[in-house]
N, C-alpha and C. Protein backbone atom coordinates (compact mmCIF):
# COMPACT_ATOMS: atom_id res chain seq x y z
N UNK A 1 0.82 -1.19 0.00
CA UNK A 1 0.00 0.00 0.00
C UNK A 1 0.87 1.26 0.00
N UNK A 2 1.96 1.21 0.75
CA UNK A 2 2.85 2.37 0.78
C UNK A 2 3.48 2.60 -0.58
N UNK A 3 3.84 1.50 -1.26
CA UNK A 3 4.45 1.63 -2.59
C UNK A 3 3.46 2.27 -3.55
N UNK A 4 2.20 1.85 -3.49
CA UNK A 4 1.18 2.43 -4.37
C UNK A 4 0.99 3.91 -4.08
N UNK A 5 1.00 4.28 -2.81
CA UNK A 5 0.87 5.69 -2.45
C UNK A 5 2.06 6.49 -2.96
N UNK A 6 3.24 5.92 -2.86
CA UNK A 6 4.44 6.60 -3.34
C UNK A 6 4.39 6.77 -4.86
N UNK A 7 4.01 5.72 -5.57
CA UNK A 7 3.91 5.80 -7.03
C UNK A 7 2.85 6.82 -7.43
N UNK A 8 1.70 6.81 -6.76
CA UNK A 8 0.64 7.77 -7.05
C UNK A 8 1.12 9.19 -6.81
N UNK A 9 1.87 9.41 -5.73
CA UNK A 9 2.41 10.73 -5.44
C UNK A 9 3.33 11.20 -6.56
N UNK A 10 4.22 10.30 -7.01
CA UNK A 10 5.13 10.67 -8.09
C UNK A 10 4.39 10.93 -9.40
N UNK A 11 3.37 10.15 -9.69
CA UNK A 11 2.60 10.36 -10.91
C UNK A 11 1.88 11.70 -10.87
N UNK A 12 1.25 12.01 -9.75
CA UNK A 12 0.56 13.29 -9.63
C UNK A 12 1.54 14.46 -9.69
N UNK A 13 2.68 14.32 -9.03
CA UNK A 13 3.70 15.37 -9.11
C UNK A 13 4.21 15.52 -10.53
N UNK A 14 4.39 14.40 -11.21
CA UNK A 14 4.83 14.45 -12.60
C UNK A 14 3.82 15.13 -13.51
N UNK A 15 2.54 14.84 -13.30
CA UNK A 15 1.51 15.52 -14.08
C UNK A 15 1.51 17.02 -13.81
N UNK A 16 1.67 17.38 -12.56
CA UNK A 16 1.65 18.79 -12.18
C UNK A 16 2.84 19.53 -12.77
N UNK A 17 4.00 18.89 -12.76
CA UNK A 17 5.22 19.54 -13.23
C UNK A 17 5.39 19.41 -14.74
N UNK A 18 5.14 18.22 -15.29
CA UNK A 18 5.51 17.93 -16.67
C UNK A 18 4.52 18.43 -17.70
N UNK A 19 3.26 18.57 -17.36
CA UNK A 19 2.29 18.93 -18.38
C UNK A 19 2.63 20.24 -19.10
N UNK A 20 2.90 21.34 -18.39
CA UNK A 20 3.27 22.55 -19.12
C UNK A 20 4.65 22.46 -19.76
N UNK A 21 5.58 21.80 -19.09
CA UNK A 21 6.96 21.76 -19.58
C UNK A 21 7.10 20.89 -20.82
N UNK A 22 6.31 19.85 -20.95
CA UNK A 22 6.45 18.94 -22.08
C UNK A 22 5.55 19.30 -23.25
N UNK A 23 4.81 20.38 -23.13
CA UNK A 23 3.92 20.76 -24.23
C UNK A 23 4.69 21.07 -25.50
N UNK A 24 5.96 21.46 -25.37
CA UNK A 24 6.76 21.77 -26.56
C UNK A 24 6.96 20.55 -27.44
N UNK A 25 6.91 19.36 -26.88
CA UNK A 25 7.18 18.15 -27.65
C UNK A 25 6.11 17.89 -28.70
N UNK A 26 4.93 18.40 -28.50
CA UNK A 26 3.86 18.26 -29.49
C UNK A 26 3.05 19.56 -29.53
N UNK A 27 3.76 20.65 -29.70
CA UNK A 27 3.14 21.97 -29.63
C UNK A 27 2.27 22.31 -30.83
N UNK A 28 2.34 21.55 -31.91
CA UNK A 28 1.53 21.87 -33.09
C UNK A 28 0.23 21.08 -33.14
N UNK A 29 -0.07 20.35 -32.10
CA UNK A 29 -1.32 19.58 -32.06
C UNK A 29 -2.44 20.55 -31.69
N UNK A 30 -3.45 20.65 -32.55
CA UNK A 30 -4.53 21.61 -32.34
C UNK A 30 -5.65 21.05 -31.48
N UNK A 31 -5.85 19.76 -31.50
CA UNK A 31 -6.95 19.14 -30.75
C UNK A 31 -6.59 19.06 -29.27
N UNK A 32 -7.42 19.66 -28.38
CA UNK A 32 -7.12 19.58 -26.95
C UNK A 32 -7.13 18.14 -26.42
N UNK A 33 -8.03 17.31 -26.94
CA UNK A 33 -8.10 15.92 -26.47
C UNK A 33 -6.84 15.15 -26.87
N UNK A 34 -6.41 15.31 -28.11
CA UNK A 34 -5.20 14.64 -28.58
C UNK A 34 -3.98 15.18 -27.85
N UNK A 35 -3.98 16.49 -27.58
CA UNK A 35 -2.86 17.08 -26.84
C UNK A 35 -2.79 16.52 -25.42
N UNK A 36 -3.94 16.38 -24.77
CA UNK A 36 -3.97 15.80 -23.42
C UNK A 36 -3.52 14.34 -23.45
N UNK A 37 -3.94 13.59 -24.48
CA UNK A 37 -3.51 12.20 -24.62
C UNK A 37 -2.00 12.12 -24.79
N UNK A 38 -1.43 12.97 -25.62
CA UNK A 38 0.01 12.98 -25.83
C UNK A 38 0.75 13.41 -24.56
N UNK A 39 0.18 14.33 -23.79
CA UNK A 39 0.77 14.70 -22.50
C UNK A 39 0.83 13.49 -21.56
N UNK A 40 -0.28 12.77 -21.48
CA UNK A 40 -0.30 11.58 -20.62
C UNK A 40 0.67 10.51 -21.08
N UNK A 41 0.75 10.30 -22.39
CA UNK A 41 1.69 9.32 -22.90
C UNK A 41 3.14 9.75 -22.67
N UNK A 42 3.41 11.05 -22.79
CA UNK A 42 4.76 11.55 -22.49
C UNK A 42 5.11 11.26 -21.04
N UNK A 43 4.17 11.47 -20.15
CA UNK A 43 4.42 11.19 -18.74
C UNK A 43 4.66 9.70 -18.51
N UNK A 44 3.88 8.84 -19.14
CA UNK A 44 4.09 7.40 -19.00
C UNK A 44 5.46 6.98 -19.50
N UNK A 45 5.84 7.50 -20.66
CA UNK A 45 7.12 7.13 -21.24
C UNK A 45 8.28 7.69 -20.41
N UNK A 46 8.15 8.94 -19.98
CA UNK A 46 9.24 9.56 -19.22
C UNK A 46 9.39 8.93 -17.84
N UNK A 47 8.30 8.42 -17.28
CA UNK A 47 8.39 7.82 -15.95
C UNK A 47 8.70 6.33 -15.99
N UNK A 48 8.87 5.78 -17.17
CA UNK A 48 9.13 4.34 -17.29
C UNK A 48 10.33 3.86 -16.48
N UNK A 49 11.44 4.61 -16.41
CA UNK A 49 12.55 4.12 -15.58
C UNK A 49 12.18 3.99 -14.11
N UNK A 50 11.32 4.87 -13.64
CA UNK A 50 10.92 4.82 -12.23
C UNK A 50 10.15 3.54 -11.95
N UNK A 51 9.13 3.26 -12.76
CA UNK A 51 8.37 2.05 -12.47
C UNK A 51 9.11 0.80 -12.87
N UNK A 52 10.08 0.89 -13.77
CA UNK A 52 10.95 -0.26 -14.03
C UNK A 52 11.76 -0.57 -12.79
N UNK A 53 12.34 0.46 -12.18
CA UNK A 53 13.14 0.26 -10.97
C UNK A 53 12.28 -0.24 -9.81
N UNK A 54 11.04 0.25 -9.70
CA UNK A 54 10.16 -0.21 -8.63
C UNK A 54 9.79 -1.68 -8.80
N UNK A 55 9.70 -2.15 -10.03
CA UNK A 55 9.34 -3.54 -10.28
C UNK A 55 10.54 -4.47 -10.30
N UNK A 56 11.72 -3.94 -10.25
CA UNK A 56 12.94 -4.75 -10.30
C UNK A 56 13.10 -5.51 -8.99
N UNK A 57 13.33 -6.82 -9.09
CA UNK A 57 13.49 -7.61 -7.88
C UNK A 57 14.86 -8.22 -7.75
N UNK A 58 15.66 -8.15 -8.79
CA UNK A 58 16.99 -8.77 -8.76
C UNK A 58 18.02 -7.89 -8.08
N UNK A 59 19.20 -8.44 -7.93
CA UNK A 59 20.27 -7.68 -7.30
C UNK A 59 21.27 -7.15 -8.32
N UNK A 60 21.00 -7.33 -9.59
CA UNK A 60 21.92 -6.89 -10.64
C UNK A 60 21.59 -5.46 -11.06
N UNK A 61 22.10 -4.51 -10.34
CA UNK A 61 21.78 -3.10 -10.60
C UNK A 61 22.38 -2.61 -11.93
N UNK A 62 23.53 -3.13 -12.32
CA UNK A 62 24.15 -2.70 -13.58
C UNK A 62 23.31 -3.16 -14.76
N UNK A 63 22.71 -4.34 -14.65
CA UNK A 63 21.82 -4.81 -15.70
C UNK A 63 20.59 -3.91 -15.80
N UNK A 64 20.10 -3.46 -14.67
CA UNK A 64 18.98 -2.52 -14.67
C UNK A 64 19.37 -1.22 -15.35
N UNK A 65 20.56 -0.70 -15.03
CA UNK A 65 21.02 0.54 -15.66
C UNK A 65 21.16 0.37 -17.17
N UNK A 66 21.68 -0.77 -17.60
CA UNK A 66 21.82 -1.04 -19.04
C UNK A 66 20.46 -1.14 -19.71
N UNK A 67 19.52 -1.80 -19.04
CA UNK A 67 18.17 -1.91 -19.59
C UNK A 67 17.53 -0.54 -19.75
N UNK A 68 17.66 0.29 -18.73
CA UNK A 68 17.09 1.63 -18.81
C UNK A 68 17.72 2.41 -19.95
N UNK A 69 19.04 2.30 -20.10
CA UNK A 69 19.72 3.02 -21.18
C UNK A 69 19.25 2.53 -22.55
N UNK A 70 19.19 1.22 -22.73
CA UNK A 70 18.82 0.66 -24.04
C UNK A 70 17.37 0.99 -24.38
N UNK A 71 16.49 0.91 -23.40
CA UNK A 71 15.08 1.15 -23.67
C UNK A 71 14.78 2.64 -23.73
N UNK A 72 15.32 3.41 -22.81
CA UNK A 72 14.90 4.79 -22.68
C UNK A 72 15.51 5.75 -23.69
N UNK A 73 16.65 5.41 -24.28
CA UNK A 73 17.21 6.34 -25.27
C UNK A 73 16.28 6.48 -26.48
N UNK A 74 15.85 5.37 -27.12
CA UNK A 74 14.90 5.57 -28.23
C UNK A 74 13.55 6.10 -27.76
N UNK A 75 13.11 5.69 -26.59
CA UNK A 75 11.84 6.17 -26.06
C UNK A 75 11.90 7.67 -25.79
N UNK A 76 13.01 8.14 -25.24
CA UNK A 76 13.16 9.58 -24.99
C UNK A 76 13.19 10.37 -26.29
N UNK A 77 13.85 9.82 -27.30
CA UNK A 77 13.87 10.50 -28.59
C UNK A 77 12.45 10.61 -29.15
N UNK A 78 11.70 9.52 -29.07
CA UNK A 78 10.31 9.54 -29.55
C UNK A 78 9.49 10.53 -28.72
N UNK A 79 9.69 10.54 -27.42
CA UNK A 79 8.87 11.37 -26.55
C UNK A 79 9.15 12.85 -26.60
N UNK A 80 10.39 13.23 -26.85
CA UNK A 80 10.75 14.63 -26.69
C UNK A 80 11.13 15.34 -27.98
N UNK A 81 11.12 14.65 -29.11
CA UNK A 81 11.37 15.32 -30.38
C UNK A 81 10.03 15.81 -30.93
N UNK A 82 9.94 17.10 -31.27
CA UNK A 82 8.68 17.59 -31.83
C UNK A 82 8.37 16.91 -33.17
N UNK A 83 7.23 16.27 -33.25
CA UNK A 83 6.80 15.60 -34.47
C UNK A 83 5.54 16.31 -34.94
N UNK A 84 5.56 16.77 -36.19
CA UNK A 84 4.46 17.58 -36.70
C UNK A 84 3.17 16.78 -36.82
N UNK A 85 3.26 15.57 -37.33
CA UNK A 85 2.06 14.76 -37.54
C UNK A 85 1.66 14.10 -36.22
N UNK A 86 0.51 14.47 -35.65
CA UNK A 86 0.12 13.89 -34.35
C UNK A 86 -0.15 12.39 -34.41
N UNK A 87 -0.59 11.89 -35.55
CA UNK A 87 -0.87 10.45 -35.65
C UNK A 87 0.43 9.64 -35.69
N UNK A 88 1.46 10.17 -36.34
CA UNK A 88 2.77 9.54 -36.29
C UNK A 88 3.31 9.57 -34.87
N UNK A 89 3.12 10.71 -34.20
CA UNK A 89 3.56 10.86 -32.81
C UNK A 89 2.85 9.83 -31.92
N UNK A 90 1.56 9.68 -32.09
CA UNK A 90 0.78 8.72 -31.31
C UNK A 90 1.23 7.29 -31.60
N UNK A 91 1.47 6.97 -32.85
CA UNK A 91 1.94 5.63 -33.22
C UNK A 91 3.29 5.33 -32.59
N UNK A 92 4.20 6.30 -32.64
CA UNK A 92 5.52 6.10 -32.05
C UNK A 92 5.43 5.96 -30.53
N UNK A 93 4.50 6.68 -29.90
CA UNK A 93 4.30 6.53 -28.45
C UNK A 93 3.83 5.12 -28.12
N UNK A 94 2.91 4.59 -28.90
CA UNK A 94 2.43 3.23 -28.65
C UNK A 94 3.59 2.24 -28.81
N UNK A 95 4.43 2.44 -29.83
CA UNK A 95 5.60 1.58 -30.00
C UNK A 95 6.57 1.71 -28.82
N UNK A 96 6.76 2.93 -28.33
CA UNK A 96 7.65 3.14 -27.19
C UNK A 96 7.11 2.46 -25.94
N UNK A 97 5.81 2.56 -25.70
CA UNK A 97 5.22 1.88 -24.55
C UNK A 97 5.30 0.37 -24.72
N UNK A 98 5.15 -0.11 -25.94
CA UNK A 98 5.30 -1.54 -26.20
C UNK A 98 6.71 -2.02 -25.92
N UNK A 99 7.71 -1.23 -26.33
CA UNK A 99 9.10 -1.57 -26.04
C UNK A 99 9.35 -1.62 -24.54
N UNK A 100 8.79 -0.67 -23.82
CA UNK A 100 8.92 -0.66 -22.37
C UNK A 100 8.23 -1.87 -21.75
N UNK A 101 7.04 -2.21 -22.23
CA UNK A 101 6.31 -3.36 -21.68
C UNK A 101 7.06 -4.67 -21.94
N UNK A 102 7.62 -4.81 -23.13
CA UNK A 102 8.38 -6.03 -23.44
C UNK A 102 9.60 -6.13 -22.55
N UNK A 103 10.29 -5.01 -22.34
CA UNK A 103 11.48 -5.04 -21.47
C UNK A 103 11.10 -5.39 -20.04
N UNK A 104 9.98 -4.87 -19.56
CA UNK A 104 9.52 -5.22 -18.21
C UNK A 104 9.20 -6.71 -18.11
N UNK A 105 8.54 -7.23 -19.13
CA UNK A 105 8.19 -8.66 -19.11
C UNK A 105 9.43 -9.54 -19.11
N UNK A 106 10.41 -9.19 -19.93
CA UNK A 106 11.65 -9.96 -19.99
C UNK A 106 12.38 -9.92 -18.66
N UNK A 107 12.48 -8.74 -18.07
CA UNK A 107 13.18 -8.60 -16.79
C UNK A 107 12.46 -9.38 -15.70
N UNK A 108 11.15 -9.29 -15.66
CA UNK A 108 10.40 -10.00 -14.62
C UNK A 108 10.52 -11.52 -14.79
N UNK A 109 10.48 -12.01 -16.02
CA UNK A 109 10.60 -13.45 -16.22
C UNK A 109 12.00 -13.93 -15.89
N UNK A 110 13.02 -13.15 -16.20
CA UNK A 110 14.39 -13.53 -15.85
C UNK A 110 14.60 -13.48 -14.34
N UNK A 111 13.97 -12.52 -13.68
CA UNK A 111 14.10 -12.44 -12.22
C UNK A 111 13.45 -13.66 -11.57
N UNK A 112 12.32 -14.09 -12.09
CA UNK A 112 11.67 -15.28 -11.53
C UNK A 112 12.49 -16.54 -11.82
N UNK A 113 13.10 -16.60 -12.99
CA UNK A 113 13.87 -17.79 -13.37
C UNK A 113 15.15 -17.92 -12.54
N UNK A 114 15.74 -16.80 -12.15
CA UNK A 114 16.99 -16.86 -11.40
C UNK A 114 16.78 -16.77 -9.90
N UNK A 115 15.53 -16.62 -9.47
CA UNK A 115 15.26 -16.54 -8.04
C UNK A 115 15.57 -17.87 -7.37
N UNK A 116 16.13 -17.78 -6.19
CA UNK A 116 16.45 -18.99 -5.43
C UNK A 116 15.17 -19.48 -4.77
N UNK A 117 14.80 -20.74 -5.00
CA UNK A 117 13.57 -21.24 -4.38
C UNK A 117 13.74 -21.35 -2.86
N UNK A 118 12.66 -21.09 -2.17
CA UNK A 118 12.67 -21.19 -0.71
C UNK A 118 12.79 -22.65 -0.30
N UNK A 119 13.51 -22.90 0.79
CA UNK A 119 13.62 -24.29 1.25
C UNK A 119 12.25 -24.83 1.65
N UNK A 120 12.01 -26.07 1.30
CA UNK A 120 10.72 -26.69 1.63
C UNK A 120 10.87 -27.59 2.85
N UNK A 121 9.82 -27.66 3.62
CA UNK A 121 9.79 -28.54 4.79
C UNK A 121 9.21 -29.87 4.39
N UNK A 122 9.80 -30.93 4.90
CA UNK A 122 9.30 -32.27 4.59
C UNK A 122 8.53 -32.82 5.73
């Protein structure tokens, strides 16, 4: 419960801080609904390292840093480069979130595979 409260606090703080600051990334979008959607997606993509780290259960911190670098560099480029066509921007955001989701799934499955099983009582 504390972790959820902490994540919610960071998400709300990110929305409060990032919404005006990240508007430049898609400043030519005329539709307020599409602009709000792109703001939310920018926040999801930009906060991906935080929730990746929160979901990390292994002790290999360097692997986590490498994963964040490999995943977040293209995601950051997609998220913060102004793209004139909002539909291309939206498509690239979906691809970026998909890349993040795949990396989370791989990390979680590897963490489960390398976890030491608890001793069983006979």
